Amino acid sequence: MKKGIHPELKECKVKCACGYEFTTKSTLEEIQLETCPKCHSFYTGKHMTAKTGNVQKFKDKYGIK
């Protein structure tokens, strides 16, 4: 690799809106997030999933068996 053309990586503090903080390497010194793996519903298991599919909802709505 050529020297002097790549940005310098430094330790970066990542802060989430929920209060969770961790460090990583980046060209930035600080990154602010709205969601992180500690508070995002997909990772916490609190996400809403459809109980029935669209076809079943249509059949239920119009009384089709």
C-alpha atoms as a PDB file:
ATOM      1  CA  MET A   1       0.000   0.000   0.000  1.00  0.00           C
ATOM      2  CA  LYS A   2       1.105   3.539  -0.659  1.00  0.00           C
ATOM      3  CA  LYS A   3       2.125   5.517   2.387  1.00  0.00           C
ATOM      4  CA  GLY A   4       0.411   8.772   3.290  1.00  0.00           C
ATOM      5  CA  ILE A   5      -2.818   8.285   1.315  1.00  0.00           C
ATOM      6  CA  HIS A   6      -4.866   6.430   3.924  1.00  0.00           C
ATOM      7  CA  PRO A   7      -6.596   8.303   6.767  1.00  0.00           C
ATOM      8  CA  GLU A   8      -5.295   7.707  10.253  1.00  0.00           C
ATOM      9  CA  LEU A   9      -7.408   5.374  12.379  1.00  0.00           C
ATOM     10  CA  LYS A  10      -7.841   6.400  15.986  1.00  0.00           C
ATOM     11  CA  GLU A  11      -9.835   5.120  18.926  1.00  0.00           C
ATOM     12  CA  CYS A  12     -13.441   6.250  18.632  1.00  0.00           C
ATOM     13  CA  LYS A  13     -16.121   6.393  21.328  1.00  0.00           C
ATOM     14  CA  VAL A  14     -19.564   5.312  20.105  1.00  0.00           C
ATOM     15  CA  LYS A  15     -22.536   6.573  22.139  1.00  0.00           C
ATOM     16  CA  CYS A  16     -26.112   5.378  21.770  1.00  0.00           C
ATOM     17  CA  ALA A  17     -29.253   7.309  22.702  1.00  0.00           C
ATOM     18  CA  CYS A  18     -30.037   4.610  25.311  1.00  0.00           C
ATOM     19  CA  GLY A  19     -26.780   5.399  27.143  1.00  0.00           C
ATOM     20  CA  TYR A  20     -24.728   2.411  25.974  1.00  0.00           C
ATOM     21  CA  GLU A  21     -21.131   3.276  25.035  1.00  0.00           C
ATOM     22  CA  PHE A  22     -18.319   1.292  23.454  1.00  0.00           C
ATOM     23  CA  THR A  23     -15.054   2.010  21.681  1.00  0.00           C
ATOM     24  CA  THR A  24     -13.860   1.058  18.231  1.00  0.00           C
ATOM     25  CA  LYS A  25     -11.439   2.347  15.606  1.00  0.00           C
ATOM     26  CA  SER A  26     -12.517   5.019  13.131  1.00  0.00           C
ATOM     27  CA  THR A  27     -11.358   8.182  11.420  1.00  0.00           C
ATOM     28  CA  LEU A  28     -13.858  10.052  13.627  1.00  0.00           C
ATOM     29  CA  GLU A  29     -13.353  10.718  17.324  1.00  0.00           C
ATOM     30  CA  GLU A  30     -16.982  10.248  18.377  1.00  0.00           C
ATOM     31  CA  ILE A  31     -20.085   8.702  16.798  1.00  0.00           C
ATOM     32  CA  GLN A  32     -23.649   9.164  18.098  1.00  0.00           C
ATOM     33  CA  LEU A  33     -26.250   6.476  17.336  1.00  0.00           C
ATOM     34  CA  GLU A  34     -30.020   6.308  17.716  1.00  0.00           C
ATOM     35  CA  THR A  35     -30.087   2.531  18.184  1.00  0.00           C
ATOM     36  CA  CYS A  36     -27.473  -0.066  19.066  1.00  0.00           C
ATOM     37  CA  PRO A  37     -27.430  -3.848  19.572  1.00  0.00           C
ATOM     38  CA  LYS A  38     -28.356  -3.320  23.246  1.00  0.00           C
ATOM     39  CA  CYS A  39     -31.586  -1.393  22.558  1.00  0.00           C
ATOM     40  CA  HIS A  40     -32.654  -2.282  18.989  1.00  0.00           C
ATOM     41  CA  SER A  41     -35.790  -4.415  19.035  1.00  0.00           C
ATOM     42  CA  PHE A  42     -34.398  -6.970  16.561  1.00  0.00           C
ATOM     43  CA  TYR A  43     -31.465  -7.845  18.838  1.00  0.00           C
ATOM     44  CA  THR A  44     -33.400  -7.709  22.115  1.00  0.00           C
ATOM     45  CA  GLY A  45     -36.137 -10.059  20.875  1.00  0.00           C
ATOM     46  CA  LYS A  46     -38.911  -7.536  21.503  1.00  0.00           C
ATOM     47  CA  HIS A  47     -39.710  -6.923  17.850  1.00  0.00           C
ATOM     48  CA  MET A  48     -43.217  -7.352  16.547  1.00  0.00           C
ATOM     49  CA  THR A  49     -43.715 -10.148  14.067  1.00  0.00           C
ATOM     50  CA  ALA A  50     -46.766 -10.842  11.974  1.00  0.00           C
ATOM     51  CA  LYS A  51     -48.802 -13.706  13.375  1.00  0.00           C
ATOM     52  CA  THR A  52     -50.464 -14.385  10.061  1.00  0.00           C
ATOM     53  CA  GLY A  53     -49.449 -13.792   6.487  1.00  0.00           C
ATOM     54  CA  ASN A  54     -51.113 -11.421   4.033  1.00  0.00           C
ATOM     55  CA  VAL A  55     -52.996 -14.228   2.282  1.00  0.00           C
ATOM     56  CA  GLN A  56     -54.460 -15.444   5.561  1.00  0.00           C
ATOM     57  CA  LYS A  57     -55.476 -11.893   6.527  1.00  0.00           C
ATOM     58  CA  PHE A  58     -57.252 -11.510   3.167  1.00  0.00           C
ATOM     59  CA  LYS A  59     -59.087 -14.814   3.597  1.00  0.00           C
ATOM     60  CA  ASP A  60     -60.147 -13.884   7.138  1.00  0.00           C
ATOM     61  CA  LYS A  61     -61.309 -10.431   6.050  1.00  0.00           C
ATOM     62  CA  TYR A  62     -63.564 -11.765   3.269  1.00  0.00           C
ATOM     63  CA  GLY A  63     -64.586 -15.033   4.906  1.00  0.00           C
ATOM     64  CA  ILE A  64     -62.879 -17.280   2.368  1.00  0.00           C
ATOM     65  CA  LYS A  65     -62.056 -20.820   3.480  1.00  0.00           C
END
